[in-house]
Amino acid sequence: MRRDIPPGARQDETTDRLMGPAELAQAIIADCEGDARAAVLALVRINSALMMELEALTVTHAHQQSRRGHH
């Protein structure tokens, strides 16, 4: 069964619950021991990884659609 995750939310691995954007930001800052520069770099890396994943999924979806003959 698939559970939809709202935009900006993330599942907290320790409590098995969704985190909102503010909680996620605080978790990233805590992981970076309060270092704002490290937190920003972590967010840039996360964003980059998500963009690459989205691009891969988009290409895969377009390829599947073209194989089925959809335009």
Protein backbone atom coordinates (compact mmCIF):
# COMPACT_ATOMS: atom_id res chain seq x y z
CA MET A 1 0.00 0.00 0.00
CA ARG A 2 1.42 3.38 -1.03
CA ARG A 3 1.22 6.32 1.35
CA ASP A 4 1.25 9.75 -0.28
CA ILE A 5 3.71 12.16 1.28
CA PRO A 6 2.74 15.82 1.11
CA PRO A 7 5.15 18.28 -0.56
CA GLY A 8 7.88 19.44 1.79
CA ALA A 9 7.39 16.55 4.19
CA ARG A 10 9.86 13.82 5.00
CA GLN A 11 9.52 10.64 6.97
CA ASP A 12 11.44 10.74 10.25
CA GLU A 13 13.37 7.47 10.32
CA THR A 14 13.53 7.37 14.11
CA THR A 15 9.82 7.85 14.83
CA ASP A 16 8.23 6.69 11.55
CA ARG A 17 6.30 9.94 11.17
CA LEU A 18 6.34 12.74 8.61
CA MET A 19 8.31 15.88 9.27
CA GLY A 20 7.15 19.27 8.02
CA PRO A 21 9.45 21.77 6.30
CA ALA A 22 10.36 23.58 9.54
CA GLU A 23 11.17 20.34 11.34
CA LEU A 24 13.19 19.12 8.37
CA ALA A 25 15.18 22.36 8.32
CA GLN A 26 15.87 22.06 12.06
CA ALA A 27 16.97 18.43 11.61
CA ILE A 28 19.40 19.41 8.84
CA ILE A 29 20.81 22.24 10.95
CA ALA A 30 21.18 19.88 13.92
CA ASP A 31 22.93 17.32 11.70
CA CYS A 32 25.33 20.08 10.70
CA GLU A 33 25.94 20.98 14.36
CA GLY A 34 24.52 24.47 13.88
CA ASP A 35 26.93 25.35 11.06
CA ALA A 36 24.79 27.46 8.72
CA ARG A 37 27.24 27.07 5.80
CA ALA A 38 27.21 23.28 6.13
CA ALA A 39 23.40 23.28 6.37
CA VAL A 40 23.08 25.32 3.16
CA LEU A 41 25.51 22.99 1.38
CA ALA A 42 23.51 19.98 2.61
CA LEU A 43 20.32 21.52 1.22
CA VAL A 44 22.01 22.24 -2.12
CA ARG A 45 23.16 18.60 -2.31
CA ILE A 46 19.66 17.36 -1.45
CA ASN A 47 18.13 19.66 -4.05
CA SER A 48 20.62 18.53 -6.69
CA ALA A 49 19.93 14.87 -5.98
CA LEU A 50 16.18 15.45 -6.18
CA MET A 51 16.54 17.33 -9.48
CA MET A 52 18.60 14.48 -10.97
CA GLU A 53 16.02 11.94 -9.78
CA LEU A 54 13.17 13.99 -11.26
CA GLU A 55 15.02 14.26 -14.57
CA ALA A 56 15.63 10.50 -14.64
CA LEU A 57 11.97 9.79 -13.87
CA THR A 58 10.83 12.27 -16.53
CA VAL A 59 13.07 10.70 -19.17
CA THR A 60 11.92 7.21 -18.19
CA HIS A 61 8.26 8.27 -18.34
CA ALA A 62 8.72 9.95 -21.74
CA HIS A 63 10.50 6.86 -23.07
CA GLN A 64 7.69 4.60 -21.86
CA GLN A 65 5.09 6.86 -23.42
CA SER A 66 6.88 6.91 -26.78
CA ARG A 67 7.15 3.10 -26.77
CA ARG A 68 3.36 2.93 -26.29
CA GLY A 69 2.76 5.35 -29.12
CA HIS A 70 1.43 8.20 -26.97
CA HIS A 71 2.31 11.75 -27.86
